[in-house]
Amino acid sequence: MSTVDPEDRIRLVSNLCSLGNRPIIMTSLMRLLLIDHFCRDDDLENVEFHERLFRYGEETGILIEDATVWTPEKTQQRPAVIIKRNRWQCIKRGTLDSVKDVTAEGNTRHVKLWRGSHTLFCLAKEGAEAEILGDEVYRFFEHFGPVFRRYFGLLAFDLAYVDGPSEVEESSEHYAVPVTVGYGWDDTWLLYQRAPKIKKIKISEIYSPFLTQ
């Protein structure tokens, strides 16, 4: 593997800081991380892919694509990694779990915990090649997961599991090894009061003008 500092390999500006975590951002993030890994042979553990480096355009040696735009025709004879987002789950911690604190002005800060995952389908014409591609992908996320977690400000970023090879339903000529990566994050926001905070009012103060007449 490359001896370069893993953090120097990312070269990505995180939108997670300004926009918060969103499905399309996480899918794009997974794709960019994989493209960065497969674009140089000195980063690849398996020599089988040294001649199949990623390039933008039709001449790429390996296809790395979002599942929503992928078709079997795009893969052709080359290996591919197809990225599919799975269900996201909001983690409930109690009845009022979203309230974190209240500011002096009466504004409330809220936080929700989330967890989700993406499955990376490693496709190849031969089952053995799909296994080797799955090995390359899962070891990449296993080794650099802690770096990605810190860099993108996530609560968790871990390899979840690696499934066994199977024929691709959309293309019986290809085998797929699914690699699933899980992650967790917190969504924090502040609700501002639209009017001044109401002070406590005594019932006697309401009726006092009438009582003095």
Protein backbone atom coordinates (compact mmCIF):
# COMPACT_ATOMS: atom_id res chain seq x y z
CA MET A 1 0.00 0.00 0.00
CA SER A 2 1.06 3.59 -0.42
CA THR A 3 3.26 5.09 2.27
CA VAL A 4 1.67 8.51 1.71
CA ASP A 5 -0.29 9.92 4.65
CA PRO A 6 -3.89 8.68 4.11
CA GLU A 7 -5.30 12.13 4.83
CA ASP A 8 -3.31 13.53 1.88
CA ARG A 9 -4.98 11.01 -0.44
CA ILE A 10 -8.51 12.38 -0.06
CA ARG A 11 -8.20 15.86 -1.61
CA LEU A 12 -11.89 16.46 -1.07
CA VAL A 13 -13.68 19.51 0.33
CA SER A 14 -16.30 18.23 2.74
CA ASN A 15 -19.85 19.47 2.19
CA LEU A 16 -20.87 17.72 5.39
CA CYS A 17 -19.74 20.75 7.39
CA SER A 18 -22.01 23.24 5.61
CA LEU A 19 -24.93 21.14 4.34
CA GLY A 20 -25.07 18.32 6.85
CA ASN A 21 -25.25 14.68 5.81
CA ARG A 22 -27.51 13.97 2.82
CA PRO A 23 -28.01 10.83 0.69
CA ILE A 24 -26.59 12.28 -2.51
CA ILE A 25 -23.55 13.64 -0.65
CA MET A 26 -22.73 10.26 0.91
CA THR A 27 -23.13 8.45 -2.41
CA SER A 28 -20.86 10.97 -4.13
CA LEU A 29 -18.38 10.72 -1.27
CA MET A 30 -18.17 6.93 -1.60
CA ARG A 31 -17.64 7.24 -5.34
CA LEU A 32 -14.91 9.90 -5.02
CA LEU A 33 -13.05 7.89 -2.40
CA LEU A 34 -13.08 4.81 -4.63
CA ILE A 35 -12.02 6.80 -7.70
CA ASP A 36 -9.11 8.26 -5.75
CA HIS A 37 -8.07 4.76 -4.67
CA PHE A 38 -8.29 3.13 -8.12
CA CYS A 39 -6.63 5.91 -10.12
CA ARG A 40 -3.03 5.00 -9.09
CA ASP A 41 -1.46 1.57 -9.15
CA ASP A 42 0.81 2.23 -6.16
CA ASP A 43 -2.31 2.41 -3.94
CA LEU A 44 -3.66 -0.98 -5.01
CA GLU A 45 -2.79 -4.12 -3.07
CA ASN A 46 -3.87 -6.50 -5.84
CA VAL A 47 -1.65 -6.34 -8.91
CA GLU A 48 -4.52 -7.66 -11.03
CA PHE A 49 -5.91 -4.11 -11.13
CA HIS A 50 -2.68 -2.28 -11.95
CA GLU A 51 -3.66 -2.42 -15.62
CA ARG A 52 -7.28 -1.52 -14.88
CA LEU A 53 -6.93 1.95 -13.40
CA PHE A 54 -9.83 4.37 -13.29
CA ARG A 55 -9.94 7.11 -15.91
CA TYR A 56 -12.74 9.52 -16.71
CA GLY A 57 -14.38 8.57 -19.98
CA GLU A 58 -15.08 5.41 -21.94
CA GLU A 59 -11.48 4.18 -21.73
CA THR A 60 -11.53 3.61 -17.96
CA GLY A 61 -10.18 0.26 -16.82
CA ILE A 62 -12.76 -0.03 -14.04
CA LEU A 63 -16.24 1.45 -13.82
CA ILE A 64 -17.20 3.17 -10.54
CA GLU A 65 -20.81 4.33 -10.68
CA ASP A 66 -23.95 5.17 -8.73
CA ALA A 67 -26.53 2.36 -8.90
CA THR A 68 -29.25 4.80 -9.96
CA VAL A 69 -27.51 5.53 -13.28
CA TRP A 70 -25.69 2.22 -13.88
CA THR A 71 -26.72 -0.20 -16.63
CA PRO A 72 -25.10 -3.56 -17.52
CA GLU A 73 -24.14 -2.14 -20.92
CA LYS A 74 -21.87 0.38 -19.21
CA THR A 75 -19.84 -2.36 -17.55
CA GLN A 76 -19.04 -4.35 -20.71
CA GLN A 77 -16.00 -6.62 -20.11
CA ARG A 78 -14.37 -4.55 -17.37
CA PRO A 79 -14.79 -4.84 -13.59
CA ALA A 80 -17.03 -2.37 -11.82
CA VAL A 81 -17.99 -1.08 -8.39
CA ILE A 82 -21.67 -0.10 -8.22
CA ILE A 83 -22.67 2.06 -5.24
CA LYS A 84 -26.12 1.70 -3.68
CA ARG A 85 -27.44 3.55 -0.63
CA ASN A 86 -29.36 1.52 1.95
CA ARG A 87 -31.92 2.60 4.52
CA TRP A 88 -31.06 5.42 6.93
CA GLN A 89 -32.40 5.15 10.47
CA CYS A 90 -33.02 7.91 12.99
CA ILE A 91 -32.07 6.67 16.48
CA LYS A 92 -34.58 7.67 19.15
CA ARG A 93 -33.12 8.12 22.63
CA GLY A 94 -36.21 9.16 24.61
CA THR A 95 -39.44 11.20 24.58
CA LEU A 96 -37.65 14.54 24.23
CA ASP A 97 -34.44 13.15 22.86
CA SER A 98 -33.98 15.93 20.29
CA VAL A 99 -33.70 18.80 22.80
CA LYS A 100 -30.05 19.34 23.66
CA ASP A 101 -30.15 22.64 25.57
CA VAL A 102 -31.90 26.03 25.79
CA THR A 103 -30.04 29.30 25.34
CA ALA A 104 -30.54 32.39 27.52
CA GLU A 105 -32.68 33.91 24.76
CA GLY A 106 -35.03 30.93 24.83
CA ASN A 107 -33.70 29.36 21.63
CA THR A 108 -33.54 25.58 21.67
CA ARG A 109 -30.69 23.53 20.27
CA HIS A 110 -31.70 20.10 18.98
CA VAL A 111 -29.75 17.02 17.97
CA LYS A 112 -30.71 13.74 16.32
CA LEU A 113 -28.52 10.68 15.89
CA TRP A 114 -28.54 8.83 12.57
CA ARG A 115 -27.03 5.68 11.15
CA GLY A 116 -26.93 4.42 7.59
CA SER A 117 -24.96 2.34 5.13
CA HIS A 118 -23.95 1.95 1.50
CA THR A 119 -23.38 -1.34 -0.31
CA LEU A 120 -20.61 -1.46 -2.90
CA PHE A 121 -21.28 -4.20 -5.44
CA CYS A 122 -17.94 -5.42 -6.82
CA LEU A 123 -18.68 -6.80 -10.30
CA ALA A 124 -16.54 -8.89 -12.64
CA LYS A 125 -16.98 -11.46 -15.42
CA GLU A 126 -15.40 -14.22 -13.31
CA GLY A 127 -16.29 -15.09 -9.74
CA ALA A 128 -12.64 -15.13 -8.69
CA GLU A 129 -12.05 -11.63 -10.08
CA ALA A 130 -15.14 -10.37 -8.25
CA GLU A 131 -13.73 -11.84 -5.03
CA ILE A 132 -10.38 -10.11 -5.57
CA LEU A 133 -12.10 -6.80 -6.32
CA GLY A 134 -14.23 -7.19 -3.20
CA ASP A 135 -11.05 -7.85 -1.24
CA GLU A 136 -9.48 -4.64 -2.57
CA VAL A 137 -12.54 -2.57 -1.72
CA TYR A 138 -13.24 -3.95 1.76
CA ARG A 139 -9.61 -3.67 2.85
CA PHE A 140 -9.48 -0.07 1.62
CA PHE A 141 -12.44 0.95 3.78
CA GLU A 142 -11.29 -1.20 6.69
CA HIS A 143 -7.83 0.43 6.78
CA PHE A 144 -8.79 4.03 6.11
CA GLY A 145 -12.22 4.12 7.77
CA PRO A 146 -10.87 5.84 10.94
CA VAL A 147 -9.26 8.54 8.78
CA PHE A 148 -12.50 9.17 6.87
CA ARG A 149 -14.49 9.32 10.12
CA ARG A 150 -12.26 12.04 11.56
CA TYR A 151 -11.87 13.95 8.30
CA PHE A 152 -15.60 14.17 7.58
CA GLY A 153 -16.67 14.67 11.20
CA LEU A 154 -18.76 11.49 11.45
CA LEU A 155 -19.51 9.58 14.65
CA ALA A 156 -18.72 6.25 12.97
CA PHE A 157 -17.42 4.96 9.65
CA ASP A 158 -16.78 1.24 9.62
CA LEU A 159 -16.78 -1.79 7.37
CA ALA A 160 -19.99 -3.69 8.20
CA TYR A 161 -19.82 -6.97 6.26
CA VAL A 162 -18.80 -8.68 3.03
CA ASP A 163 -21.32 -11.00 1.38
CA GLY A 164 -20.54 -14.01 -0.76
CA PRO A 165 -20.38 -13.86 -4.56
CA SER A 166 -23.52 -14.28 -6.61
CA GLU A 167 -24.70 -13.76 -10.18
CA VAL A 168 -25.95 -10.27 -10.98
CA GLU A 169 -29.70 -10.31 -11.61
CA GLU A 170 -29.51 -7.57 -14.26
CA SER A 171 -26.55 -9.22 -15.99
CA SER A 172 -26.14 -13.00 -15.71
CA GLU A 173 -22.66 -12.71 -17.25
CA HIS A 174 -21.29 -10.96 -14.16
CA TYR A 175 -20.65 -11.95 -10.57
CA ALA A 176 -20.95 -9.54 -7.65
CA VAL A 177 -19.41 -9.42 -4.18
CA PRO A 178 -21.35 -6.91 -1.99
CA VAL A 179 -19.29 -4.90 0.50
CA THR A 180 -21.31 -2.84 2.99
CA VAL A 181 -19.94 0.19 4.81
CA GLY A 182 -21.84 1.66 7.78
CA TYR A 183 -21.60 5.14 9.25
CA GLY A 184 -23.21 7.30 11.91
CA TRP A 185 -23.59 11.03 12.46
CA ASP A 186 -25.49 13.65 14.43
CA ASP A 187 -27.78 16.29 12.95
CA THR A 188 -27.78 19.45 15.09
CA TRP A 189 -29.87 22.59 14.60
CA LEU A 190 -31.01 25.70 16.50
CA LEU A 191 -34.63 26.91 16.63
CA TYR A 192 -34.90 30.66 17.17
CA GLN A 193 -37.79 32.25 19.08
CA ARG A 194 -39.89 34.49 16.79
CA ALA A 195 -41.13 36.52 19.80
CA PRO A 196 -39.66 37.47 23.19
CA LYS A 197 -39.85 34.78 25.83
CA ILE A 198 -43.08 35.10 27.78
CA LYS A 199 -42.50 35.93 31.42
CA LYS A 200 -44.58 34.47 34.21
CA ILE A 201 -47.83 36.39 34.76
CA LYS A 202 -49.79 36.27 38.00
CA ILE A 203 -53.59 35.98 37.85
CA SER A 204 -53.86 38.89 40.31
CA GLU A 205 -52.01 41.15 37.85
CA ILE A 206 -54.61 40.40 35.16
CA TYR A 207 -57.59 41.32 37.37
CA SER A 208 -55.98 44.14 39.37
CA PRO A 209 -57.20 46.99 37.03
CA PHE A 210 -60.79 45.83 37.47
CA LEU A 211 -60.49 45.34 41.21
CA THR A 212 -59.27 48.94 41.76
CA GLN A 213 -62.25 50.54 39.94
